[in-house]
Amino acid sequence: MNIQPIKTELDYEKALKRLEVIFDAKKETKEGDELEILSILIEKFEKEKYPIEMPDPIEAIKFRMEQLGMKQKDLAEVVGFKSRVSEILNRKRKLTLEMIRNLSQKLNIPTEVLIQNY
């Protein structure tokens, strides 16, 4: 086992290639331990090098509505009036704290996503 920190793209590519080779290693074996450590190093490098930003709150709501097969009238039950839903989805009205709580609970969207500026 020759594990080193992943500092460059070349290190990253080498780590990925090695990961492919030992991917099916059994736990509690030498290769299994290497797989576990290598996975942690790769994940750390990816988080630092390729961070994933949180989605836009309105786009997250629209996406979740699509996933659940919801229409604007269905969302009115969560945020209030149908006209309010239209204003929110068209970015003419900001989400209130109560709306954020309801959307988070009913649509299972993290509050961290909904409280962002848009």
PDB file of N, CA and C in Angstrom:
ATOM      1  N   MET A   1       0.856  -1.173   0.000  1.00  0.00           N
ATOM      2  CA  MET A   1       0.000   0.000   0.000  1.00  0.00           C
ATOM      3  C   MET A   1       0.901   1.235   0.000  1.00  0.00           C
ATOM      4  N   ASN A   2       0.765   2.030  -1.048  1.00  0.00           N
ATOM      5  CA  ASN A   2       1.584   3.230  -1.186  1.00  0.00           C
ATOM      6  C   ASN A   2       0.646   4.427  -1.376  1.00  0.00           C
ATOM      7  N   ILE A   3       0.010   4.847  -0.284  1.00  0.00           N
ATOM      8  CA  ILE A   3      -0.963   5.931  -0.359  1.00  0.00           C
ATOM      9  C   ILE A   3      -0.285   7.249  -0.013  1.00  0.00           C
ATOM     10  N   GLN A   4      -0.573   8.245  -0.850  1.00  0.00           N
ATOM     11  CA  GLN A   4      -0.028   9.582  -0.648  1.00  0.00           C
ATOM     12  C   GLN A   4      -1.163  10.593  -0.758  1.00  0.00           C
ATOM     13  N   PRO A   5      -0.965  11.789  -0.201  1.00  0.00           N
ATOM     14  CA  PRO A   5      -1.999  12.817  -0.347  1.00  0.00           C
ATOM     15  C   PRO A   5      -2.242  13.143  -1.821  1.00  0.00           C
ATOM     16  N   ILE A   6      -3.457  13.522  -2.135  1.00  0.00           N
ATOM     17  CA  ILE A   6      -3.805  13.919  -3.499  1.00  0.00           C
ATOM     18  C   ILE A   6      -3.725  15.441  -3.551  1.00  0.00           C
ATOM     19  N   LYS A   7      -2.723  15.937  -4.255  1.00  0.00           N
ATOM     20  CA  LYS A   7      -2.489  17.384  -4.313  1.00  0.00           C
ATOM     21  C   LYS A   7      -2.674  17.968  -5.704  1.00  0.00           C
ATOM     22  N   THR A   8      -2.544  17.147  -6.734  1.00  0.00           N
ATOM     23  CA  THR A   8      -2.628  17.643  -8.108  1.00  0.00           C
ATOM     24  C   THR A   8      -3.619  16.799  -8.903  1.00  0.00           C
ATOM     25  N   GLU A   9      -3.933  17.290 -10.100  1.00  0.00           N
ATOM     26  CA  GLU A   9      -4.811  16.530 -10.994  1.00  0.00           C
ATOM     27  C   GLU A   9      -4.183  15.188 -11.362  1.00  0.00           C
ATOM     28  N   LEU A  10      -2.868  15.176 -11.528  1.00  0.00           N
ATOM     29  CA  LEU A  10      -2.177  13.927 -11.852  1.00  0.00           C
ATOM     30  C   LEU A  10      -2.314  12.924 -10.710  1.00  0.00           C
ATOM     31  N   ASP A  11      -2.137  13.400  -9.476  1.00  0.00           N
ATOM     32  CA  ASP A  11      -2.334  12.539  -8.300  1.00  0.00           C
ATOM     33  C   ASP A  11      -3.761  11.998  -8.279  1.00  0.00           C
ATOM     34  N   TYR A  12      -4.703  12.864  -8.603  1.00  0.00           N
ATOM     35  CA  TYR A  12      -6.111  12.495  -8.610  1.00  0.00           C
ATOM     36  C   TYR A  12      -6.391  11.409  -9.648  1.00  0.00           C
ATOM     37  N   GLU A  13      -5.864  11.588 -10.851  1.00  0.00           N
ATOM     38  CA  GLU A  13      -6.049  10.596 -11.910  1.00  0.00           C
ATOM     39  C   GLU A  13      -5.454   9.245 -11.521  1.00  0.00           C
ATOM     40  N   LYS A  14      -4.276   9.279 -10.926  1.00  0.00           N
ATOM     41  CA  LYS A  14      -3.631   8.037 -10.478  1.00  0.00           C
ATOM     42  C   LYS A  14      -4.479   7.346  -9.414  1.00  0.00           C
ATOM     43  N   ALA A  15      -5.008   8.143  -8.497  1.00  0.00           N
ATOM     44  CA  ALA A  15      -5.842   7.585  -7.424  1.00  0.00           C
ATOM     45  C   ALA A  15      -7.096   6.944  -7.992  1.00  0.00           C
ATOM     46  N   LEU A  16      -7.715   7.591  -8.969  1.00  0.00           N
ATOM     47  CA  LEU A  16      -8.919   7.029  -9.591  1.00  0.00           C
ATOM     48  C   LEU A  16      -8.618   5.715 -10.312  1.00  0.00           C
ATOM     49  N   LYS A  17      -7.490   5.673 -10.997  1.00  0.00           N
ATOM     50  CA  LYS A  17      -7.109   4.434 -11.689  1.00  0.00           C
ATOM     51  C   LYS A  17      -6.882   3.302 -10.698  1.00  0.00           C
ATOM     52  N   ARG A  18      -6.192   3.624  -9.598  1.00  0.00           N
ATOM     53  CA  ARG A  18      -5.951   2.605  -8.576  1.00  0.00           C
ATOM     54  C   ARG A  18      -7.261   2.160  -7.930  1.00  0.00           C
ATOM     55  N   LEU A  19      -8.160   3.102  -7.726  1.00  0.00           N
ATOM     56  CA  LEU A  19      -9.461   2.787  -7.140  1.00  0.00           C
ATOM     57  C   LEU A  19     -10.223   1.792  -8.012  1.00  0.00           C
ATOM     58  N   GLU A  20     -10.158   1.976  -9.321  1.00  0.00           N
ATOM     59  CA  GLU A  20     -10.816   1.041 -10.240  1.00  0.00           C
ATOM     60  C   GLU A  20     -10.265  -0.369 -10.090  1.00  0.00           C
ATOM     61  N   VAL A  21      -8.962  -0.470  -9.889  1.00  0.00           N
ATOM     62  CA  VAL A  21      -8.311  -1.780  -9.770  1.00  0.00           C
ATOM     63  C   VAL A  21      -8.757  -2.510  -8.509  1.00  0.00           C
ATOM     64  N   ILE A  22      -8.864  -1.776  -7.396  1.00  0.00           N
ATOM     65  CA  ILE A  22      -9.158  -2.419  -6.098  1.00  0.00           C
ATOM     66  C   ILE A  22     -10.605  -2.242  -5.665  1.00  0.00           C
ATOM     67  N   PHE A  23     -11.462  -1.793  -6.574  1.00  0.00           N
ATOM     68  CA  PHE A  23     -12.838  -1.444  -6.228  1.00  0.00           C
ATOM     69  C   PHE A  23     -13.609  -2.577  -5.548  1.00  0.00           C
ATOM     70  N   ASP A  24     -13.397  -3.792  -5.919  1.00  0.00           N
ATOM     71  CA  ASP A  24     -14.147  -4.927  -5.352  1.00  0.00           C
ATOM     72  C   ASP A  24     -13.415  -5.616  -4.207  1.00  0.00           C
ATOM     73  N   ALA A  25     -12.434  -4.943  -3.619  1.00  0.00           N
ATOM     74  CA  ALA A  25     -11.662  -5.552  -2.533  1.00  0.00           C
ATOM     75  C   ALA A  25     -12.556  -5.830  -1.326  1.00  0.00           C
ATOM     76  N   LYS A  26     -12.276  -6.903  -0.651  1.00  0.00           N
ATOM     77  CA  LYS A  26     -13.028  -7.310   0.542  1.00  0.00           C
ATOM     78  C   LYS A  26     -12.592  -6.469   1.733  1.00  0.00           C
ATOM     79  N   LYS A  27     -13.546  -6.194   2.622  1.00  0.00           N
ATOM     80  CA  LYS A  27     -13.237  -5.461   3.853  1.00  0.00           C
ATOM     81  C   LYS A  27     -12.258  -6.268   4.698  1.00  0.00           C
ATOM     82  N   GLU A  28     -11.523  -5.538   5.515  1.00  0.00           N
ATOM     83  CA  GLU A  28     -10.569  -6.115   6.452  1.00  0.00           C
ATOM     84  C   GLU A  28      -9.448  -6.901   5.760  1.00  0.00           C
ATOM     85  N   THR A  29      -9.142  -6.493   4.537  1.00  0.00           N
ATOM     86  CA  THR A  29      -7.973  -7.019   3.839  1.00  0.00           C
ATOM     87  C   THR A  29      -7.067  -5.829   3.569  1.00  0.00           C
ATOM     88  N   LYS A  30      -5.868  -6.102   3.122  1.00  0.00           N
ATOM     89  CA  LYS A  30      -4.928  -5.025   2.826  1.00  0.00           C
ATOM     90  C   LYS A  30      -5.492  -4.106   1.732  1.00  0.00           C
ATOM     91  N   GLU A  31      -6.022  -4.712   0.681  1.00  0.00           N
ATOM     92  CA  GLU A  31      -6.610  -3.917  -0.398  1.00  0.00           C
ATOM     93  C   GLU A  31      -7.907  -3.241   0.041  1.00  0.00           C
ATOM     94  N   GLY A  32      -8.647  -3.865   0.916  1.00  0.00           N
ATOM     95  CA  GLY A  32      -9.867  -3.262   1.457  1.00  0.00           C
ATOM     96  C   GLY A  32      -9.561  -2.006   2.256  1.00  0.00           C
ATOM     97  N   ASP A  33      -8.496  -2.072   3.048  1.00  0.00           N
ATOM     98  CA  ASP A  33      -8.054  -0.893   3.807  1.00  0.00           C
ATOM     99  C   ASP A  33      -7.590   0.208   2.864  1.00  0.00           C
ATOM    100  N   GLU A  34      -6.862  -0.180   1.832  1.00  0.00           N
ATOM    101  CA  GLU A  34      -6.386   0.788   0.845  1.00  0.00           C
ATOM    102  C   GLU A  34      -7.571   1.457   0.143  1.00  0.00           C
ATOM    103  N   LEU A  35      -8.556   0.663  -0.210  1.00  0.00           N
ATOM    104  CA  LEU A  35      -9.761   1.180  -0.855  1.00  0.00           C
ATOM    105  C   LEU A  35     -10.447   2.228   0.026  1.00  0.00           C
ATOM    106  N   GLU A  36     -10.583   1.930   1.295  1.00  0.00           N
ATOM    107  CA  GLU A  36     -11.243   2.846   2.214  1.00  0.00           C
ATOM    108  C   GLU A  36     -10.484   4.168   2.338  1.00  0.00           C
ATOM    109  N   ILE A  37      -9.185   4.093   2.514  1.00  0.00           N
ATOM    110  CA  ILE A  37      -8.357   5.297   2.665  1.00  0.00           C
ATOM    111  C   ILE A  37      -8.336   6.097   1.366  1.00  0.00           C
ATOM    112  N   LEU A  38      -8.180   5.415   0.259  1.00  0.00           N
ATOM    113  CA  LEU A  38      -8.137   6.079  -1.037  1.00  0.00           C
ATOM    114  C   LEU A  38      -9.460   6.795  -1.330  1.00  0.00           C
ATOM    115  N   SER A  39     -10.557   6.170  -0.978  1.00  0.00           N
ATOM    116  CA  SER A  39     -11.881   6.777  -1.176  1.00  0.00           C
ATOM    117  C   SER A  39     -12.012   8.074  -0.390  1.00  0.00           C
ATOM    118  N   ILE A  40     -11.519   8.079   0.825  1.00  0.00           N
ATOM    119  CA  ILE A  40     -11.571   9.278   1.670  1.00  0.00           C
ATOM    120  C   ILE A  40     -10.730  10.392   1.057  1.00  0.00           C
ATOM    121  N   LEU A  41      -9.549  10.055   0.587  1.00  0.00           N
ATOM    122  CA  LEU A  41      -8.671  11.058  -0.028  1.00  0.00           C
ATOM    123  C   LEU A  41      -9.267  11.628  -1.305  1.00  0.00           C
ATOM    124  N   ILE A  42      -9.856  10.769  -2.117  1.00  0.00           N
ATOM    125  CA  ILE A  42     -10.481  11.216  -3.363  1.00  0.00           C
ATOM    126  C   ILE A  42     -11.662  12.138  -3.065  1.00  0.00           C
ATOM    127  N   GLU A  43     -12.483  11.747  -2.111  1.00  0.00           N
ATOM    128  CA  GLU A  43     -13.638  12.570  -1.741  1.00  0.00           C
ATOM    129  C   GLU A  43     -13.200  13.946  -1.240  1.00  0.00           C
ATOM    130  N   LYS A  44     -12.180  13.990  -0.423  1.00  0.00           N
ATOM    131  CA  LYS A  44     -11.656  15.262   0.100  1.00  0.00           C
ATOM    132  C   LYS A  44     -11.166  16.147  -1.042  1.00  0.00           C
ATOM    133  N   PHE A  45     -10.404  15.571  -1.964  1.00  0.00           N
ATOM    134  CA  PHE A  45      -9.884  16.333  -3.100  1.00  0.00           C
ATOM    135  C   PHE A  45     -11.027  16.885  -3.946  1.00  0.00           C
ATOM    136  N   GLU A  46     -12.037  16.049  -4.222  1.00  0.00           N
ATOM    137  CA  GLU A  46     -13.165  16.476  -5.051  1.00  0.00           C
ATOM    138  C   GLU A  46     -13.961  17.600  -4.393  1.00  0.00           C
ATOM    139  N   LYS A  47     -14.161  17.516  -3.085  1.00  0.00           N
ATOM    140  CA  LYS A  47     -14.899  18.569  -2.380  1.00  0.00           C
ATOM    141  C   LYS A  47     -14.162  19.896  -2.448  1.00  0.00           C
ATOM    142  N   GLU A  48     -12.848  19.847  -2.360  1.00  0.00           N
ATOM    143  CA  GLU A  48     -12.053  21.074  -2.396  1.00  0.00           C
ATOM    144  C   GLU A  48     -11.910  21.609  -3.823  1.00  0.00           C
ATOM    145  N   LYS A  49     -11.697  20.724  -4.762  1.00  0.00           N
ATOM    146  CA  LYS A  49     -11.414  21.126  -6.148  1.00  0.00           C
ATOM    147  C   LYS A  49     -12.681  21.382  -6.964  1.00  0.00           C
ATOM    148  N   TYR A  50     -13.714  20.601  -6.720  1.00  0.00           N
ATOM    149  CA  TYR A  50     -14.946  20.690  -7.499  1.00  0.00           C
ATOM    150  C   TYR A  50     -16.169  20.834  -6.577  1.00  0.00           C
ATOM    151  N   PRO A  51     -16.246  21.928  -5.832  1.00  0.00           N
ATOM    152  CA  PRO A  51     -17.385  22.067  -4.913  1.00  0.00           C
ATOM    153  C   PRO A  51     -18.695  22.186  -5.680  1.00  0.00           C
ATOM    154  N   ILE A  52     -19.729  21.629  -5.112  1.00  0.00           N
ATOM    155  CA  ILE A  52     -21.056  21.691  -5.726  1.00  0.00           C
ATOM    156  C   ILE A  52     -21.855  22.757  -4.977  1.00  0.00           C
ATOM    157  N   GLU A  53     -22.260  23.778  -5.710  1.00  0.00           N
ATOM    158  CA  GLU A  53     -23.027  24.853  -5.101  1.00  0.00           C
ATOM    159  C   GLU A  53     -24.464  24.418  -4.906  1.00  0.00           C
ATOM    160  N   MET A  54     -25.103  25.047  -3.936  1.00  0.00           N
ATOM    161  CA  MET A  54     -26.505  24.745  -3.690  1.00  0.00           C
ATOM    162  C   MET A  54     -27.351  25.312  -4.831  1.00  0.00           C
ATOM    163  N   PRO A  55     -28.454  24.652  -5.136  1.00  0.00           N
ATOM    164  CA  PRO A  55     -29.310  25.139  -6.224  1.00  0.00           C
ATOM    165  C   PRO A  55     -30.036  26.416  -5.840  1.00  0.00           C
ATOM    166  N   ASP A  56     -30.462  27.139  -6.837  1.00  0.00           N
ATOM    167  CA  ASP A  56     -31.286  28.320  -6.645  1.00  0.00           C
ATOM    168  C   ASP A  56     -32.595  27.891  -5.974  1.00  0.00           C
ATOM    169  N   PRO A  57     -33.084  28.642  -4.970  1.00  0.00           N
ATOM    170  CA  PRO A  57     -34.299  28.232  -4.252  1.00  0.00           C
ATOM    171  C   PRO A  57     -35.524  28.031  -5.158  1.00  0.00           C
ATOM    172  N   ILE A  58     -35.740  28.949  -6.084  1.00  0.00           N
ATOM    173  CA  ILE A  58     -36.920  28.842  -6.948  1.00  0.00           C
ATOM    174  C   ILE A  58     -36.784  27.655  -7.898  1.00  0.00           C
ATOM    175  N   GLU A  59     -35.583  27.463  -8.433  1.00  0.00           N
ATOM    176  CA  GLU A  59     -35.354  26.309  -9.313  1.00  0.00           C
ATOM    177  C   GLU A  59     -35.519  25.002  -8.541  1.00  0.00           C
ATOM    178  N   ALA A  60     -35.107  24.994  -7.274  1.00  0.00           N
ATOM    179  CA  ALA A  60     -35.270  23.797  -6.441  1.00  0.00           C
ATOM    180  C   ALA A  60     -36.754  23.484  -6.235  1.00  0.00           C
ATOM    181  N   ILE A  61     -37.540  24.522  -6.006  1.00  0.00           N
ATOM    182  CA  ILE A  61     -38.988  24.329  -5.832  1.00  0.00           C
ATOM    183  C   ILE A  61     -39.601  23.785  -7.119  1.00  0.00           C
ATOM    184  N   LYS A  62     -39.265  24.398  -8.247  1.00  0.00           N
ATOM    185  CA  LYS A  62     -39.804  23.937  -9.534  1.00  0.00           C
ATOM    186  C   LYS A  62     -39.399  22.494  -9.828  1.00  0.00           C
ATOM    187  N   PHE A  63     -38.142  22.175  -9.546  1.00  0.00           N
ATOM    188  CA  PHE A  63     -37.653  20.820  -9.788  1.00  0.00           C
ATOM    189  C   PHE A  63     -38.407  19.809  -8.928  1.00  0.00           C
ATOM    190  N   ARG A  64     -38.586  20.154  -7.656  1.00  0.00           N
ATOM    191  CA  ARG A  64     -39.275  19.241  -6.736  1.00  0.00           C
ATOM    192  C   ARG A  64     -40.747  19.091  -7.131  1.00  0.00           C
ATOM    193  N   MET A  65     -41.354  20.188  -7.564  1.00  0.00           N
ATOM    194  CA  MET A  65     -42.744  20.112  -8.022  1.00  0.00           C
ATOM    195  C   MET A  65     -42.852  19.152  -9.203  1.00  0.00           C
ATOM    196  N   GLU A  66     -41.913  19.265 -10.125  1.00  0.00           N
ATOM    197  CA  GLU A  66     -41.903  18.383 -11.295  1.00  0.00           C
ATOM    198  C   GLU A  66     -41.743  16.927 -10.862  1.00  0.00           C
ATOM    199  N   GLN A  67     -40.826  16.691  -9.934  1.00  0.00           N
ATOM    200  CA  GLN A  67     -40.607  15.329  -9.453  1.00  0.00           C
ATOM    201  C   GLN A  67     -41.866  14.734  -8.836  1.00  0.00           C
ATOM    202  N   LEU A  68     -42.603  15.563  -8.107  1.00  0.00           N
ATOM    203  CA  LEU A  68     -43.797  15.098  -7.407  1.00  0.00           C
ATOM    204  C   LEU A  68     -45.067  15.188  -8.247  1.00  0.00           C
ATOM    205  N   GLY A  69     -44.914  15.704  -9.477  1.00  0.00           N
ATOM    206  CA  GLY A  69     -46.078  15.848 -10.347  1.00  0.00           C
ATOM    207  C   GLY A  69     -47.051  16.908  -9.849  1.00  0.00           C
ATOM    208  N   MET A  70     -46.537  17.939  -9.199  1.00  0.00           N
ATOM    209  CA  MET A  70     -47.380  18.994  -8.643  1.00  0.00           C
ATOM    210  C   MET A  70     -47.612  20.113  -9.650  1.00  0.00           C
ATOM    211  N   LYS A  71     -48.749  20.740  -9.538  1.00  0.00           N
ATOM    212  CA  LYS A  71     -49.095  21.926 -10.323  1.00  0.00           C
ATOM    213  C   LYS A  71     -49.061  23.127  -9.372  1.00  0.00           C
ATOM    214  N   GLN A  72     -49.166  24.320  -9.950  1.00  0.00           N
ATOM    215  CA  GLN A  72     -49.150  25.529  -9.119  1.00  0.00           C
ATOM    216  C   GLN A  72     -50.276  25.518  -8.097  1.00  0.00           C
ATOM    217  N   LYS A  73     -51.427  25.010  -8.487  1.00  0.00           N
ATOM    218  CA  LYS A  73     -52.563  24.974  -7.547  1.00  0.00           C
ATOM    219  C   LYS A  73     -52.254  24.068  -6.349  1.00  0.00           C
ATOM    220  N   ASP A  74     -51.460  23.016  -6.573  1.00  0.00           N
ATOM    221  CA  ASP A  74     -51.079  22.137  -5.470  1.00  0.00           C
ATOM    222  C   ASP A  74     -50.151  22.859  -4.503  1.00  0.00           C
ATOM    223  N   LEU A  75     -49.288  23.706  -5.048  1.00  0.00           N
ATOM    224  CA  LEU A  75     -48.356  24.446  -4.212  1.00  0.00           C
ATOM    225  C   LEU A  75     -49.070  25.531  -3.407  1.00  0.00           C
ATOM    226  N   ALA A  76     -50.222  25.969  -3.891  1.00  0.00           N
ATOM    227  CA  ALA A  76     -51.007  26.976  -3.171  1.00  0.00           C
ATOM    228  C   ALA A  76     -51.383  26.474  -1.782  1.00  0.00           C
ATOM    229  N   GLU A  77     -51.575  25.179  -1.640  1.00  0.00           N
ATOM    230  CA  GLU A  77     -51.900  24.598  -0.337  1.00  0.00           C
ATOM    231  C   GLU A  77     -50.732  24.721   0.638  1.00  0.00           C
ATOM    232  N   VAL A  78     -49.523  24.848   0.088  1.00  0.00           N
ATOM    233  CA  VAL A  78     -48.322  24.939   0.923  1.00  0.00           C
ATOM    234  C   VAL A  78     -47.984  26.386   1.267  1.00  0.00           C
ATOM    235  N   VAL A  79     -48.111  27.298   0.296  1.00  0.00           N
ATOM    236  CA  VAL A  79     -47.676  28.684   0.524  1.00  0.00           C
ATOM    237  C   VAL A  79     -48.819  29.684   0.616  1.00  0.00           C
ATOM    238  N   GLY A  80     -50.015  29.275   0.347  1.00  0.00           N
ATOM    239  CA  GLY A  80     -51.133  30.210   0.424  1.00  0.00           C
ATOM    240  C   GLY A  80     -51.878  30.290  -0.888  1.00  0.00           C
ATOM    241  N   PHE A  81     -52.202  31.485  -1.301  1.00  0.00           N
ATOM    242  CA  PHE A  81     -53.021  31.707  -2.492  1.00  0.00           C
ATOM    243  C   PHE A  81     -52.312  31.310  -3.780  1.00  0.00           C
ATOM    244  N   LYS A  82     -53.120  30.961  -4.790  1.00  0.00           N
ATOM    245  CA  LYS A  82     -52.581  30.582  -6.097  1.00  0.00           C
ATOM    246  C   LYS A  82     -51.807  31.739  -6.728  1.00  0.00           C
ATOM    247  N   SER A  83     -52.304  32.956  -6.542  1.00  0.00           N
ATOM    248  CA  SER A  83     -51.608  34.130  -7.093  1.00  0.00           C
ATOM    249  C   SER A  83     -50.248  34.319  -6.420  1.00  0.00           C
ATOM    250  N   ARG A  84     -50.147  33.974  -5.158  1.00  0.00           N
ATOM    251  CA  ARG A  84     -48.881  34.071  -4.429  1.00  0.00           C
ATOM    252  C   ARG A  84     -47.871  33.075  -4.993  1.00  0.00           C
ATOM    253  N   VAL A  85     -48.334  31.887  -5.346  1.00  0.00           N
ATOM    254  CA  VAL A  85     -47.455  30.877  -5.943  1.00  0.00           C
ATOM    255  C   VAL A  85     -46.859  31.414  -7.235  1.00  0.00           C
ATOM    256  N   SER A  86     -47.693  32.009  -8.059  1.00  0.00           N
ATOM    257  CA  SER A  86     -47.234  32.563  -9.327  1.00  0.00           C
ATOM    258  C   SER A  86     -46.197  33.661  -9.087  1.00  0.00           C
ATOM    259  N   GLU A  87     -46.451  34.529  -8.130  1.00  0.00           N
ATOM    260  CA  GLU A  87     -45.505  35.605  -7.815  1.00  0.00           C
ATOM    261  C   GLU A  87     -44.167  35.040  -7.343  1.00  0.00           C
ATOM    262  N   ILE A  88     -44.214  34.006  -6.532  1.00  0.00           N
ATOM    263  CA  ILE A  88     -42.983  33.390  -6.017  1.00  0.00           C
ATOM    264  C   ILE A  88     -42.204  32.736  -7.148  1.00  0.00           C
ATOM    265  N   LEU A  89     -42.886  31.936  -7.946  1.00  0.00           N
ATOM    266  CA  LEU A  89     -42.206  31.228  -9.030  1.00  0.00           C
ATOM    267  C   LEU A  89     -41.675  32.172 -10.113  1.00  0.00           C
ATOM    268  N   ASN A  90     -42.272  33.358 -10.223  1.00  0.00           N
ATOM    269  CA  ASN A  90     -41.795  34.366 -11.172  1.00  0.00           C
ATOM    270  C   ASN A  90     -40.856  35.376 -10.510  1.00  0.00           C
ATOM    271  N   ARG A  91     -40.475  35.084  -9.270  1.00  0.00           N
ATOM    272  CA  ARG A  91     -39.509  35.886  -8.503  1.00  0.00           C
ATOM    273  C   ARG A  91     -39.983  37.312  -8.225  1.00  0.00           C
ATOM    274  N   LYS A  92     -41.283  37.491  -8.126  1.00  0.00           N
ATOM    275  CA  LYS A  92     -41.830  38.811  -7.814  1.00  0.00           C
ATOM    276  C   LYS A  92     -42.134  38.949  -6.324  1.00  0.00           C
ATOM    277  N   ARG A  93     -42.133  37.825  -5.613  1.00  0.00           N
ATOM    278  CA  ARG A  93     -42.389  37.820  -4.179  1.00  0.00           C
ATOM    279  C   ARG A  93     -41.353  36.926  -3.518  1.00  0.00           C
ATOM    280  N   LYS A  94     -40.802  37.378  -2.413  1.00  0.00           N
ATOM    281  CA  LYS A  94     -39.819  36.593  -1.652  1.00  0.00           C
ATOM    282  C   LYS A  94     -40.536  35.580  -0.770  1.00  0.00           C
ATOM    283  N   LEU A  95     -39.838  34.516  -0.473  1.00  0.00           N
ATOM    284  CA  LEU A  95     -40.362  33.517   0.446  1.00  0.00           C
ATOM    285  C   LEU A  95     -40.318  34.061   1.871  1.00  0.00           C
ATOM    286  N   THR A  96     -41.372  33.819   2.620  1.00  0.00           N
ATOM    287  CA  THR A  96     -41.381  34.195   4.036  1.00  0.00           C
ATOM    288  C   THR A  96     -40.847  33.021   4.846  1.00  0.00           C
ATOM    289  N   LEU A  97     -40.564  33.271   6.095  1.00  0.00           N
ATOM    290  CA  LEU A  97     -40.067  32.215   6.972  1.00  0.00           C
ATOM    291  C   LEU A  97     -41.076  31.076   7.083  1.00  0.00           C
ATOM    292  N   GLU A  98     -42.343  31.426   7.193  1.00  0.00           N
ATOM    293  CA  GLU A  98     -43.384  30.399   7.276  1.00  0.00           C
ATOM    294  C   GLU A  98     -43.452  29.566   5.989  1.00  0.00           C
ATOM    295  N   MET A  99     -43.327  30.235   4.838  1.00  0.00           N
ATOM    296  CA  MET A  99     -43.332  29.520   3.559  1.00  0.00           C
ATOM    297  C   MET A  99     -42.136  28.570   3.479  1.00  0.00           C
ATOM    298  N   ILE A 100     -40.978  29.051   3.901  1.00  0.00           N
ATOM    299  CA  ILE A 100     -39.766  28.226   3.874  1.00  0.00           C
ATOM    300  C   ILE A 100     -39.955  26.981   4.730  1.00  0.00           C
ATOM    301  N   ARG A 101     -40.511  27.168   5.903  1.00  0.00           N
ATOM    302  CA  ARG A 101     -40.765  26.009   6.786  1.00  0.00           C
ATOM    303  C   ARG A 101     -41.724  25.025   6.130  1.00  0.00           C
ATOM    304  N   ASN A 102     -42.809  25.537   5.567  1.00  0.00           N
ATOM    305  CA  ASN A 102     -43.804  24.670   4.923  1.00  0.00           C
ATOM    306  C   ASN A 102     -43.222  23.945   3.712  1.00  0.00           C
ATOM    307  N   LEU A 103     -42.500  24.688   2.878  1.00  0.00           N
ATOM    308  CA  LEU A 103     -41.895  24.074   1.686  1.00  0.00           C
ATOM    309  C   LEU A 103     -40.882  23.006   2.076  1.00  0.00           C
ATOM    310  N   SER A 104     -40.117  23.292   3.083  1.00  0.00           N
ATOM    311  CA  SER A 104     -39.117  22.325   3.534  1.00  0.00           C
ATOM    312  C   SER A 104     -39.786  21.044   4.020  1.00  0.00           C
ATOM    313  N   GLN A 105     -40.834  21.221   4.793  1.00  0.00           N
ATOM    314  CA  GLN A 105     -41.528  20.058   5.359  1.00  0.00           C
ATOM    315  C   GLN A 105     -42.319  19.291   4.302  1.00  0.00           C
ATOM    316  N   LYS A 106     -43.086  19.995   3.492  1.00  0.00           N
ATOM    317  CA  LYS A 106     -43.980  19.331   2.535  1.00  0.00           C
ATOM    318  C   LYS A 106     -43.263  18.818   1.285  1.00  0.00           C
ATOM    319  N   LEU A 107     -42.243  19.574   0.823  1.00  0.00           N
ATOM    320  CA  LEU A 107     -41.555  19.169  -0.406  1.00  0.00           C
ATOM    321  C   LEU A 107     -40.203  18.518  -0.129  1.00  0.00           C
ATOM    322  N   ASN A 108     -39.835  18.484   1.129  1.00  0.00           N
ATOM    323  CA  ASN A 108     -38.561  17.878   1.527  1.00  0.00           C
ATOM    324  C   ASN A 108     -37.366  18.560   0.839  1.00  0.00           C
ATOM    325  N   ILE A 109     -37.387  19.901   0.871  1.00  0.00           N
ATOM    326  CA  ILE A 109     -36.278  20.694   0.364  1.00  0.00           C
ATOM    327  C   ILE A 109     -35.543  21.244   1.572  1.00  0.00           C
ATOM    328  N   PRO A 110     -34.234  21.066   1.658  1.00  0.00           N
ATOM    329  CA  PRO A 110     -33.501  21.577   2.825  1.00  0.00           C
ATOM    330  C   PRO A 110     -33.686  23.086   2.994  1.00  0.00           C
ATOM    331  N   THR A 111     -33.858  23.518   4.234  1.00  0.00           N
ATOM    332  CA  THR A 111     -34.023  24.948   4.499  1.00  0.00           C
ATOM    333  C   THR A 111     -32.810  25.748   4.043  1.00  0.00           C
ATOM    334  N   GLU A 112     -31.626  25.125   4.062  1.00  0.00           N
ATOM    335  CA  GLU A 112     -30.405  25.810   3.621  1.00  0.00           C
ATOM    336  C   GLU A 112     -30.525  26.260   2.166  1.00  0.00           C
ATOM    337  N   VAL A 113     -31.247  25.495   1.383  1.00  0.00           N
ATOM    338  CA  VAL A 113     -31.455  25.844  -0.025  1.00  0.00           C
ATOM    339  C   VAL A 113     -32.457  26.986  -0.133  1.00  0.00           C
ATOM    340  N   LEU A 114     -33.541  26.904   0.632  1.00  0.00           N
ATOM    341  CA  LEU A 114     -34.632  27.865   0.504  1.00  0.00           C
ATOM    342  C   LEU A 114     -34.313  29.242   1.064  1.00  0.00           C
ATOM    343  N   ILE A 115     -33.382  29.343   2.001  1.00  0.00           N
ATOM    344  CA  ILE A 115     -33.102  30.648   2.621  1.00  0.00           C
ATOM    345  C   ILE A 115     -32.110  31.481   1.826  1.00  0.00           C
ATOM    346  N   GLN A 116     -31.546  30.927   0.780  1.00  0.00           N
ATOM    347  CA  GLN A 116     -30.566  31.680  -0.020  1.00  0.00           C
ATOM    348  C   GLN A 116     -31.214  32.849  -0.736  1.00  0.00           C
ATOM    349  N   ASN A 117     -30.384  33.843  -1.052  1.00  0.00           N
ATOM    350  CA  ASN A 117     -30.834  34.963  -1.872  1.00  0.00           C
ATOM    351  C   ASN A 117     -31.098  34.490  -3.287  1.00  0.00           C
ATOM    352  N   TYR A 118     -32.068  35.089  -3.913  1.00  0.00           N
ATOM    353  CA  TYR A 118     -32.358  34.804  -5.323  1.00  0.00           C
ATOM    354  C   TYR A 118     -32.874  36.039  -6.000  1.00  0.00           C
TER     355      TYR A 118
END
